[in-house]
Amino acid sequence: MGCGNGQWLLEFLQWGTVAANLYGIDLIAERIAYARERLPGADLRWGDASHLPWRDASFDLVTQFTVFSSIPDTASQAEVAAEMLRVLRPGGRILWYDCRYSNPSNAAVRGLDRDDIRKLFPSCKIEFASTTLVPALSRAIARRSWAVAAALEGLRFTCTHLAAVITPQLIS
């Protein structure tokens, strides 16, 4: 979801995924065009994540990295979350990474906290981790001491993002 220029998909390639098993969608056509150049063989589409072009239960893993914080309203967020669940195979997982705080200098970025994510995926088990040291703090400290930056990132209140593994609960 929101694959952009394909950077994360390239990471999956480096981890051993075959390009033919990579799929992506992005709302910005130029990003998809660039991603297609970088990832020949991947199925990359220009479009809206609230209407995914793939069949039900198509994927073992669905990812989103800073997509939901850019969706302007909760109804649209709910549509995208429902689509993510629709295309996920039984036993599959959603990997989530997004802002937990709104950006004071960019009103278009709205953070989502743990409760917001739980509301989007109400029948799912969700494992959370706070991550990403406040960028300004990270830039100031990491160049001097990587160890201090890593220690600060271990403090939940210094982190600006949430990572999560979302697992739909199987109903028998």
N, C-alpha and C. Protein backbone atom coordinates (compact mmCIF):
# COMPACT_ATOMS: atom_id res chain seq x y z
N MET A 1 0.85 -1.17 0.00
CA MET A 1 0.00 0.00 0.00
C MET A 1 0.89 1.22 0.00
N GLY A 2 0.69 2.12 -0.96
CA GLY A 2 1.51 3.32 -1.00
C GLY A 2 2.97 2.98 -1.23
N CYS A 3 3.23 2.20 -2.28
CA CYS A 3 4.60 1.72 -2.51
C CYS A 3 5.56 2.80 -2.98
N GLY A 4 5.03 3.96 -3.35
CA GLY A 4 5.90 5.07 -3.75
C GLY A 4 6.85 4.67 -4.86
N ASN A 5 8.12 5.02 -4.71
CA ASN A 5 9.11 4.75 -5.76
C ASN A 5 9.67 3.33 -5.67
N GLY A 6 9.11 2.51 -4.80
CA GLY A 6 9.51 1.11 -4.71
C GLY A 6 10.64 0.82 -3.75
N GLN A 7 11.03 1.78 -2.93
CA GLN A 7 12.18 1.58 -2.05
C GLN A 7 12.02 0.36 -1.14
N TRP A 8 10.86 0.23 -0.51
CA TRP A 8 10.66 -0.92 0.37
C TRP A 8 10.57 -2.22 -0.42
N LEU A 9 10.02 -2.17 -1.60
CA LEU A 9 9.96 -3.37 -2.42
C LEU A 9 11.37 -3.82 -2.81
N LEU A 10 12.26 -2.87 -3.04
CA LEU A 10 13.66 -3.21 -3.30
C LEU A 10 14.28 -3.91 -2.09
N GLU A 11 13.91 -3.49 -0.89
CA GLU A 11 14.39 -4.17 0.31
C GLU A 11 13.94 -5.63 0.32
N PHE A 12 12.68 -5.86 -0.05
CA PHE A 12 12.19 -7.24 -0.09
C PHE A 12 12.97 -8.06 -1.11
N LEU A 13 13.35 -7.45 -2.23
CA LEU A 13 14.20 -8.15 -3.21
C LEU A 13 15.53 -8.55 -2.57
N GLN A 14 16.14 -7.63 -1.84
CA GLN A 14 17.41 -7.93 -1.20
C GLN A 14 17.27 -9.04 -0.15
N TRP A 15 16.10 -9.19 0.42
CA TRP A 15 15.86 -10.22 1.43
C TRP A 15 15.50 -11.56 0.79
N GLY A 16 15.45 -11.59 -0.56
CA GLY A 16 15.25 -12.86 -1.25
C GLY A 16 13.92 -13.04 -1.95
N THR A 17 13.05 -12.07 -1.91
CA THR A 17 11.78 -12.19 -2.61
C THR A 17 12.01 -12.07 -4.11
N VAL A 18 11.26 -12.80 -4.89
CA VAL A 18 11.32 -12.75 -6.34
C VAL A 18 10.45 -11.59 -6.81
N ALA A 19 10.92 -10.82 -7.79
CA ALA A 19 10.19 -9.64 -8.27
C ALA A 19 8.76 -9.98 -8.68
N ALA A 20 8.55 -11.15 -9.27
CA ALA A 20 7.20 -11.54 -9.70
C ALA A 20 6.25 -11.70 -8.52
N ASN A 21 6.79 -11.79 -7.30
CA ASN A 21 5.94 -11.91 -6.10
C ASN A 21 5.76 -10.58 -5.38
N LEU A 22 6.16 -9.50 -6.02
CA LEU A 22 6.01 -8.17 -5.42
C LEU A 22 4.88 -7.42 -6.12
N TYR A 23 4.05 -6.79 -5.32
CA TYR A 23 2.91 -6.03 -5.81
C TYR A 23 2.91 -4.69 -5.09
N GLY A 24 2.48 -3.66 -5.78
CA GLY A 24 2.42 -2.36 -5.14
C GLY A 24 1.39 -1.47 -5.80
N ILE A 25 0.90 -0.53 -5.03
CA ILE A 25 -0.04 0.47 -5.54
C ILE A 25 0.32 1.81 -4.92
N ASP A 26 0.18 2.86 -5.71
CA ASP A 26 0.43 4.21 -5.21
C ASP A 26 -0.50 5.17 -5.93
N LEU A 27 -0.86 6.23 -5.24
CA LEU A 27 -1.78 7.23 -5.76
C LEU A 27 -1.11 8.19 -6.74
N ILE A 28 0.22 8.24 -6.72
CA ILE A 28 0.95 9.20 -7.56
C ILE A 28 1.59 8.46 -8.73
N ALA A 29 1.13 8.76 -9.94
CA ALA A 29 1.55 8.05 -11.15
C ALA A 29 3.06 8.13 -11.38
N GLU A 30 3.68 9.26 -11.09
CA GLU A 30 5.12 9.41 -11.32
C GLU A 30 5.92 8.46 -10.44
N ARG A 31 5.46 8.24 -9.24
CA ARG A 31 6.15 7.31 -8.34
C ARG A 31 6.07 5.89 -8.88
N ILE A 32 4.89 5.51 -9.36
CA ILE A 32 4.73 4.17 -9.91
C ILE A 32 5.60 4.00 -11.16
N ALA A 33 5.66 5.02 -12.00
CA ALA A 33 6.50 4.93 -13.20
C ALA A 33 7.95 4.69 -12.82
N TYR A 34 8.43 5.41 -11.83
CA TYR A 34 9.82 5.24 -11.38
C TYR A 34 10.02 3.86 -10.75
N ALA A 35 9.05 3.43 -9.95
CA ALA A 35 9.15 2.10 -9.32
C ALA A 35 9.18 1.01 -10.38
N ARG A 36 8.42 1.16 -11.45
CA ARG A 36 8.43 0.15 -12.52
C ARG A 36 9.80 0.05 -13.18
N GLU A 37 10.48 1.19 -13.32
CA GLU A 37 11.84 1.17 -13.88
C GLU A 37 12.78 0.41 -12.95
N ARG A 38 12.62 0.58 -11.66
CA ARG A 38 13.50 -0.03 -10.67
C ARG A 38 13.19 -1.50 -10.41
N LEU A 39 11.94 -1.91 -10.68
CA LEU A 39 11.49 -3.25 -10.31
C LEU A 39 10.80 -3.96 -11.48
N PRO A 40 11.54 -4.22 -12.54
CA PRO A 40 10.90 -4.94 -13.65
C PRO A 40 10.44 -6.32 -13.15
N GLY A 41 9.27 -6.68 -13.58
CA GLY A 41 8.72 -7.98 -13.16
C GLY A 41 7.74 -7.88 -12.01
N ALA A 42 7.76 -6.79 -11.26
CA ALA A 42 6.80 -6.60 -10.17
C ALA A 42 5.49 -6.06 -10.74
N ASP A 43 4.40 -6.37 -10.09
CA ASP A 43 3.08 -5.89 -10.50
C ASP A 43 2.79 -4.59 -9.75
N LEU A 44 3.06 -3.47 -10.40
CA LEU A 44 2.92 -2.15 -9.77
C LEU A 44 1.81 -1.38 -10.46
N ARG A 45 0.90 -0.86 -9.68
CA ARG A 45 -0.30 -0.20 -10.22
C ARG A 45 -0.44 1.21 -9.68
N TRP A 46 -0.96 2.07 -10.54
CA TRP A 46 -1.34 3.41 -10.15
C TRP A 46 -2.80 3.33 -9.74
N GLY A 47 -3.12 3.82 -8.55
CA GLY A 47 -4.51 3.79 -8.14
C GLY A 47 -4.70 4.10 -6.67
N ASP A 48 -5.94 3.97 -6.27
CA ASP A 48 -6.41 4.30 -4.93
C ASP A 48 -6.45 3.03 -4.08
N ALA A 49 -5.83 3.05 -2.92
CA ALA A 49 -5.75 1.87 -2.05
C ALA A 49 -7.11 1.49 -1.45
N SER A 50 -8.11 2.33 -1.60
CA SER A 50 -9.43 1.95 -1.10
C SER A 50 -10.18 1.07 -2.10
N HIS A 51 -9.58 0.84 -3.27
CA HIS A 51 -10.15 -0.05 -4.29
C HIS A 51 -9.01 -0.83 -4.93
N LEU A 52 -8.52 -1.83 -4.22
CA LEU A 52 -7.38 -2.59 -4.72
C LEU A 52 -7.78 -3.46 -5.91
N PRO A 53 -6.90 -3.57 -6.90
CA PRO A 53 -7.21 -4.32 -8.11
C PRO A 53 -6.97 -5.83 -8.00
N TRP A 54 -6.65 -6.33 -6.82
CA TRP A 54 -6.32 -7.74 -6.67
C TRP A 54 -7.46 -8.51 -6.03
N ARG A 55 -7.46 -9.83 -6.29
CA ARG A 55 -8.51 -10.72 -5.78
C ARG A 55 -8.45 -10.85 -4.26
N ASP A 56 -9.55 -11.28 -3.70
CA ASP A 56 -9.61 -11.61 -2.28
C ASP A 56 -8.52 -12.64 -1.96
N ALA A 57 -7.97 -12.57 -0.75
CA ALA A 57 -7.03 -13.56 -0.24
C ALA A 57 -5.86 -13.81 -1.19
N SER A 58 -5.27 -12.74 -1.70
CA SER A 58 -4.16 -12.85 -2.66
C SER A 58 -2.78 -12.86 -2.01
N PHE A 59 -2.62 -12.31 -0.80
CA PHE A 59 -1.29 -12.05 -0.26
C PHE A 59 -1.08 -12.60 1.14
N ASP A 60 0.15 -13.07 1.36
CA ASP A 60 0.56 -13.52 2.70
C ASP A 60 0.95 -12.34 3.57
N LEU A 61 1.44 -11.29 2.95
CA LEU A 61 1.90 -10.11 3.69
C LEU A 61 1.44 -8.86 2.95
N VAL A 62 0.82 -7.95 3.69
CA VAL A 62 0.44 -6.63 3.16
C VAL A 62 1.15 -5.60 4.03
N THR A 63 1.82 -4.65 3.40
CA THR A 63 2.56 -3.64 4.16
C THR A 63 2.02 -2.25 3.87
N GLN A 64 2.21 -1.39 4.84
CA GLN A 64 1.95 0.04 4.63
C GLN A 64 2.93 0.80 5.50
N PHE A 65 3.59 1.73 4.88
CA PHE A 65 4.58 2.57 5.56
C PHE A 65 4.19 4.02 5.33
N THR A 66 3.72 4.68 6.36
CA THR A 66 3.29 6.09 6.37
C THR A 66 2.24 6.41 5.30
N VAL A 67 1.28 5.50 5.15
CA VAL A 67 0.15 5.76 4.26
C VAL A 67 -1.01 6.35 5.05
N PHE A 68 -1.39 5.71 6.14
CA PHE A 68 -2.60 6.10 6.87
C PHE A 68 -2.51 7.51 7.44
N SER A 69 -1.33 7.95 7.81
CA SER A 69 -1.19 9.31 8.35
C SER A 69 -1.42 10.37 7.27
N SER A 70 -1.45 9.95 6.01
CA SER A 70 -1.71 10.88 4.91
C SER A 70 -3.14 10.79 4.39
N ILE A 71 -3.93 9.88 4.94
CA ILE A 71 -5.34 9.76 4.53
C ILE A 71 -6.13 10.73 5.39
N PRO A 72 -6.88 11.66 4.76
CA PRO A 72 -7.45 12.78 5.51
C PRO A 72 -8.60 12.50 6.47
N ASP A 73 -9.30 11.38 6.34
CA ASP A 73 -10.44 11.17 7.22
C ASP A 73 -10.54 9.71 7.63
N THR A 74 -11.21 9.48 8.75
CA THR A 74 -11.30 8.12 9.30
C THR A 74 -12.13 7.19 8.42
N ALA A 75 -13.12 7.70 7.72
CA ALA A 75 -13.93 6.84 6.83
C ALA A 75 -13.06 6.29 5.71
N SER A 76 -12.22 7.12 5.12
CA SER A 76 -11.32 6.65 4.06
C SER A 76 -10.28 5.69 4.62
N GLN A 77 -9.78 5.97 5.81
CA GLN A 77 -8.84 5.05 6.45
C GLN A 77 -9.48 3.68 6.64
N ALA A 78 -10.74 3.67 7.06
CA ALA A 78 -11.45 2.41 7.28
C ALA A 78 -11.62 1.63 5.97
N GLU A 79 -11.86 2.34 4.87
CA GLU A 79 -11.97 1.68 3.56
C GLU A 79 -10.66 1.02 3.17
N VAL A 80 -9.56 1.70 3.37
CA VAL A 80 -8.25 1.15 3.03
C VAL A 80 -7.93 -0.04 3.93
N ALA A 81 -8.21 0.08 5.22
CA ALA A 81 -7.97 -1.04 6.14
C ALA A 81 -8.79 -2.26 5.72
N ALA A 82 -10.03 -2.05 5.33
CA ALA A 82 -10.88 -3.17 4.89
C ALA A 82 -10.32 -3.82 3.64
N GLU A 83 -9.78 -3.04 2.74
CA GLU A 83 -9.16 -3.59 1.53
C GLU A 83 -7.91 -4.39 1.86
N MET A 84 -7.12 -3.90 2.81
CA MET A 84 -5.94 -4.65 3.22
C MET A 84 -6.34 -6.02 3.75
N LEU A 85 -7.37 -6.06 4.56
CA LEU A 85 -7.86 -7.32 5.11
C LEU A 85 -8.45 -8.21 4.02
N ARG A 86 -9.13 -7.61 3.06
CA ARG A 86 -9.76 -8.38 1.98
C ARG A 86 -8.73 -9.15 1.16
N VAL A 87 -7.60 -8.52 0.85
CA VAL A 87 -6.61 -9.16 -0.01
C VAL A 87 -5.64 -10.06 0.75
N LEU A 88 -5.74 -10.08 2.07
CA LEU A 88 -4.85 -10.89 2.90
C LEU A 88 -5.36 -12.33 2.96
N ARG A 89 -4.45 -13.27 2.75
CA ARG A 89 -4.80 -14.69 2.86
C ARG A 89 -5.01 -15.08 4.32
N PRO A 90 -5.81 -16.12 4.56
CA PRO A 90 -5.91 -16.64 5.93
C PRO A 90 -4.52 -17.00 6.44
N GLY A 91 -4.21 -16.59 7.66
CA GLY A 91 -2.89 -16.83 8.23
C GLY A 91 -1.88 -15.75 7.86
N GLY A 92 -2.27 -14.80 7.02
CA GLY A 92 -1.38 -13.72 6.61
C GLY A 92 -1.25 -12.64 7.67
N ARG A 93 -0.37 -11.69 7.40
CA ARG A 93 -0.11 -10.60 8.35
C ARG A 93 -0.06 -9.27 7.61
N ILE A 94 -0.36 -8.23 8.36
CA ILE A 94 -0.19 -6.85 7.88
C ILE A 94 0.97 -6.27 8.68
N LEU A 95 1.90 -5.67 7.97
CA LEU A 95 3.01 -4.98 8.61
C LEU A 95 2.76 -3.48 8.49
N TRP A 96 2.70 -2.81 9.63
CA TRP A 96 2.30 -1.40 9.73
C TRP A 96 3.46 -0.56 10.26
N TYR A 97 3.69 0.59 9.64
CA TYR A 97 4.64 1.58 10.17
C TYR A 97 4.08 2.95 9.82
N ASP A 98 3.81 3.74 10.85
CA ASP A 98 3.23 5.05 10.55
C ASP A 98 3.43 5.99 11.74
N CYS A 99 3.16 7.26 11.48
CA CYS A 99 3.31 8.32 12.48
C CYS A 99 2.30 8.13 13.61
N ARG A 100 2.77 8.29 14.82
CA ARG A 100 1.83 8.25 15.94
C ARG A 100 1.42 9.65 16.38
N TYR A 101 2.09 10.66 15.87
CA TYR A 101 1.73 12.05 16.19
C TYR A 101 1.50 12.83 14.90
N SER A 102 0.59 13.77 14.95
CA SER A 102 0.38 14.66 13.82
C SER A 102 1.60 15.57 13.68
N ASN A 103 1.84 16.00 12.46
CA ASN A 103 2.99 16.86 12.19
C ASN A 103 2.57 18.31 12.36
N PRO A 104 3.12 19.03 13.33
CA PRO A 104 2.70 20.41 13.57
C PRO A 104 3.04 21.35 12.41
N SER A 105 3.99 20.98 11.57
CA SER A 105 4.35 21.85 10.44
C SER A 105 3.72 21.38 9.13
N ASN A 106 2.92 20.31 9.18
CA ASN A 106 2.25 19.81 7.97
C ASN A 106 0.90 19.24 8.37
N ALA A 107 -0.15 20.03 8.18
CA ALA A 107 -1.50 19.63 8.60
C ALA A 107 -2.00 18.40 7.85
N ALA A 108 -1.38 18.05 6.73
CA ALA A 108 -1.80 16.88 5.96
C ALA A 108 -1.34 15.57 6.60
N VAL A 109 -0.47 15.63 7.60
CA VAL A 109 0.01 14.43 8.28
C VAL A 109 -0.67 14.33 9.64
N ARG A 110 -1.55 13.32 9.75
CA ARG A 110 -2.31 13.11 10.99
C ARG A 110 -1.88 11.80 11.63
N GLY A 111 -1.34 11.88 12.80
CA GLY A 111 -0.86 10.69 13.49
C GLY A 111 -1.98 9.76 13.92
N LEU A 112 -1.64 8.50 14.09
CA LEU A 112 -2.58 7.49 14.58
C LEU A 112 -1.96 6.82 15.80
N ASP A 113 -2.73 6.76 16.88
CA ASP A 113 -2.23 6.08 18.07
C ASP A 113 -2.73 4.63 18.07
N ARG A 114 -2.39 3.91 19.10
CA ARG A 114 -2.74 2.49 19.19
C ARG A 114 -4.25 2.28 19.12
N ASP A 115 -5.01 3.14 19.78
CA ASP A 115 -6.47 3.00 19.75
C ASP A 115 -7.02 3.22 18.35
N ASP A 116 -6.46 4.18 17.62
CA ASP A 116 -6.90 4.42 16.24
C ASP A 116 -6.69 3.18 15.39
N ILE A 117 -5.53 2.55 15.55
CA ILE A 117 -5.21 1.36 14.76
C ILE A 117 -6.13 0.21 15.16
N ARG A 118 -6.37 0.06 16.44
CA ARG A 118 -7.29 -1.00 16.90
C ARG A 118 -8.69 -0.81 16.32
N LYS A 119 -9.14 0.44 16.21
CA LYS A 119 -10.46 0.71 15.62
C LYS A 119 -10.50 0.34 14.14
N LEU A 120 -9.38 0.50 13.44
CA LEU A 120 -9.33 0.15 12.02
C LEU A 120 -9.31 -1.36 11.80
N PHE A 121 -8.78 -2.09 12.78
CA PHE A 121 -8.64 -3.55 12.67
C PHE A 121 -9.22 -4.21 13.93
N PRO A 122 -10.54 -4.07 14.15
CA PRO A 122 -11.13 -4.46 15.44
C PRO A 122 -11.08 -5.95 15.76
N SER A 123 -11.07 -6.79 14.78
CA SER A 123 -11.09 -8.23 15.06
C SER A 123 -9.71 -8.86 14.90
N CYS A 124 -8.68 -8.05 15.06
CA CYS A 124 -7.31 -8.52 14.84
C CYS A 124 -6.48 -8.46 16.11
N LYS A 125 -5.51 -9.35 16.17
CA LYS A 125 -4.48 -9.28 17.20
C LYS A 125 -3.43 -8.30 16.67
N ILE A 126 -3.03 -7.35 17.51
CA ILE A 126 -2.06 -6.34 17.07
C ILE A 126 -0.92 -6.28 18.08
N GLU A 127 0.29 -6.46 17.58
CA GLU A 127 1.49 -6.33 18.40
C GLU A 127 2.18 -5.03 18.01
N PHE A 128 2.35 -4.13 18.97
CA PHE A 128 2.89 -2.80 18.71
C PHE A 128 4.33 -2.66 19.20
N ALA A 129 5.04 -1.75 18.54
CA ALA A 129 6.35 -1.31 19.02
C ALA A 129 6.49 0.16 18.69
N SER A 130 6.91 0.96 19.66
CA SER A 130 7.23 2.36 19.40
C SER A 130 8.61 2.39 18.76
N THR A 131 8.76 3.24 17.76
CA THR A 131 10.02 3.27 17.02
C THR A 131 10.27 4.65 16.43
N THR A 132 11.44 4.86 15.94
CA THR A 132 11.90 6.06 15.25
C THR A 132 12.05 7.24 16.22
N LEU A 133 13.25 7.41 16.65
CA LEU A 133 13.60 8.53 17.53
C LEU A 133 13.21 9.85 16.86
N VAL A 134 12.71 10.78 17.64
CA VAL A 134 12.33 12.10 17.12
C VAL A 134 13.41 12.55 16.14
N PRO A 135 13.04 12.82 14.87
CA PRO A 135 14.05 13.09 13.85
C PRO A 135 15.07 14.18 14.21
N ALA A 136 14.62 15.29 14.75
CA ALA A 136 15.57 16.36 15.09
C ALA A 136 16.56 15.89 16.16
N LEU A 137 16.07 15.13 17.12
CA LEU A 137 16.93 14.59 18.16
C LEU A 137 17.90 13.55 17.57
N SER A 138 17.37 12.73 16.72
CA SER A 138 18.20 11.71 16.07
C SER A 138 19.34 12.34 15.27
N ARG A 139 19.02 13.35 14.48
CA ARG A 139 20.06 14.02 13.67
C ARG A 139 21.14 14.63 14.56
N ALA A 140 20.74 15.18 15.68
CA ALA A 140 21.70 15.82 16.57
C ALA A 140 22.57 14.82 17.33
N ILE A 141 22.00 13.69 17.69
CA ILE A 141 22.72 12.75 18.55
C ILE A 141 23.43 11.63 17.78
N ALA A 142 22.79 11.08 16.77
CA ALA A 142 23.32 9.88 16.10
C ALA A 142 24.69 10.12 15.48
N ARG A 143 24.95 11.31 14.99
CA ARG A 143 26.27 11.55 14.39
C ARG A 143 27.38 11.57 15.44
N ARG A 144 27.00 11.81 16.70
CA ARG A 144 27.99 11.82 17.79
C ARG A 144 28.09 10.47 18.48
N SER A 145 26.91 9.84 18.71
CA SER A 145 26.91 8.56 19.42
C SER A 145 25.71 7.72 19.00
N TRP A 146 26.00 6.72 18.21
CA TRP A 146 24.95 5.81 17.76
C TRP A 146 24.34 5.08 18.97
N ALA A 147 25.15 4.73 19.95
CA ALA A 147 24.68 4.01 21.14
C ALA A 147 23.68 4.86 21.94
N VAL A 148 23.97 6.15 22.10
CA VAL A 148 23.05 7.03 22.83
C VAL A 148 21.74 7.17 22.05
N ALA A 149 21.83 7.32 20.74
CA ALA A 149 20.61 7.42 19.93
C ALA A 149 19.77 6.15 20.06
N ALA A 150 20.42 4.99 20.01
CA ALA A 150 19.70 3.72 20.15
C ALA A 150 19.05 3.61 21.53
N ALA A 151 19.76 4.04 22.56
CA ALA A 151 19.20 3.99 23.92
C ALA A 151 17.99 4.91 24.03
N LEU A 152 18.06 6.09 23.47
CA LEU A 152 16.93 7.02 23.51
C LEU A 152 15.74 6.48 22.74
N GLU A 153 16.02 5.79 21.64
CA GLU A 153 14.92 5.22 20.86
C GLU A 153 14.20 4.13 21.65
N GLY A 154 14.89 3.55 22.61
CA GLY A 154 14.28 2.54 23.47
C GLY A 154 13.27 3.11 24.46
N LEU A 155 13.25 4.42 24.61
CA LEU A 155 12.28 5.08 25.49
C LEU A 155 11.05 5.43 24.64
N ARG A 156 9.94 4.84 24.97
CA ARG A 156 8.73 4.99 24.16
C ARG A 156 8.37 6.45 23.87
N PHE A 157 8.50 7.33 24.86
CA PHE A 157 8.06 8.72 24.68
C PHE A 157 8.94 9.51 23.70
N THR A 158 10.11 9.00 23.35
CA THR A 158 10.98 9.70 22.40
C THR A 158 10.74 9.27 20.96
N CYS A 159 9.80 8.35 20.75
CA CYS A 159 9.57 7.78 19.42
C CYS A 159 8.34 8.40 18.76
N THR A 160 8.47 8.68 17.48
CA THR A 160 7.42 9.36 16.73
C THR A 160 6.53 8.44 15.92
N HIS A 161 6.88 7.15 15.81
CA HIS A 161 6.14 6.22 14.96
C HIS A 161 5.76 4.96 15.71
N LEU A 162 4.78 4.26 15.15
CA LEU A 162 4.40 2.95 15.65
C LEU A 162 4.63 1.93 14.55
N ALA A 163 5.22 0.82 14.93
CA ALA A 163 5.29 -0.34 14.06
C ALA A 163 4.33 -1.36 14.65
N ALA A 164 3.72 -2.15 13.78
CA ALA A 164 2.78 -3.15 14.28
C ALA A 164 2.72 -4.33 13.33
N VAL A 165 2.47 -5.48 13.91
CA VAL A 165 2.12 -6.68 13.14
C VAL A 165 0.66 -6.94 13.46
N ILE A 166 -0.14 -6.95 12.42
CA ILE A 166 -1.59 -7.10 12.57
C ILE A 166 -1.98 -8.47 12.02
N THR A 167 -2.62 -9.27 12.88
CA THR A 167 -3.00 -10.63 12.52
C THR A 167 -4.50 -10.79 12.67
N PRO A 168 -5.21 -11.01 11.56
CA PRO A 168 -6.64 -11.29 11.69
C PRO A 168 -6.86 -12.58 12.49
N GLN A 169 -7.85 -12.57 13.33
CA GLN A 169 -8.16 -13.75 14.13
C GLN A 169 -9.02 -14.69 13.29
N LEU A 170 -8.57 -15.92 13.18
CA LEU A 170 -9.30 -16.92 12.40
C LEU A 170 -10.55 -17.36 13.17
N ILE A 171 -11.67 -17.37 12.50
CA ILE A 171 -12.93 -17.79 13.11
C ILE A 171 -13.21 -19.20 12.64
N SER A 172 -13.40 -20.12 13.59
CA SER A 172 -13.64 -21.51 13.20
C SER A 172 -15.10 -21.89 13.35
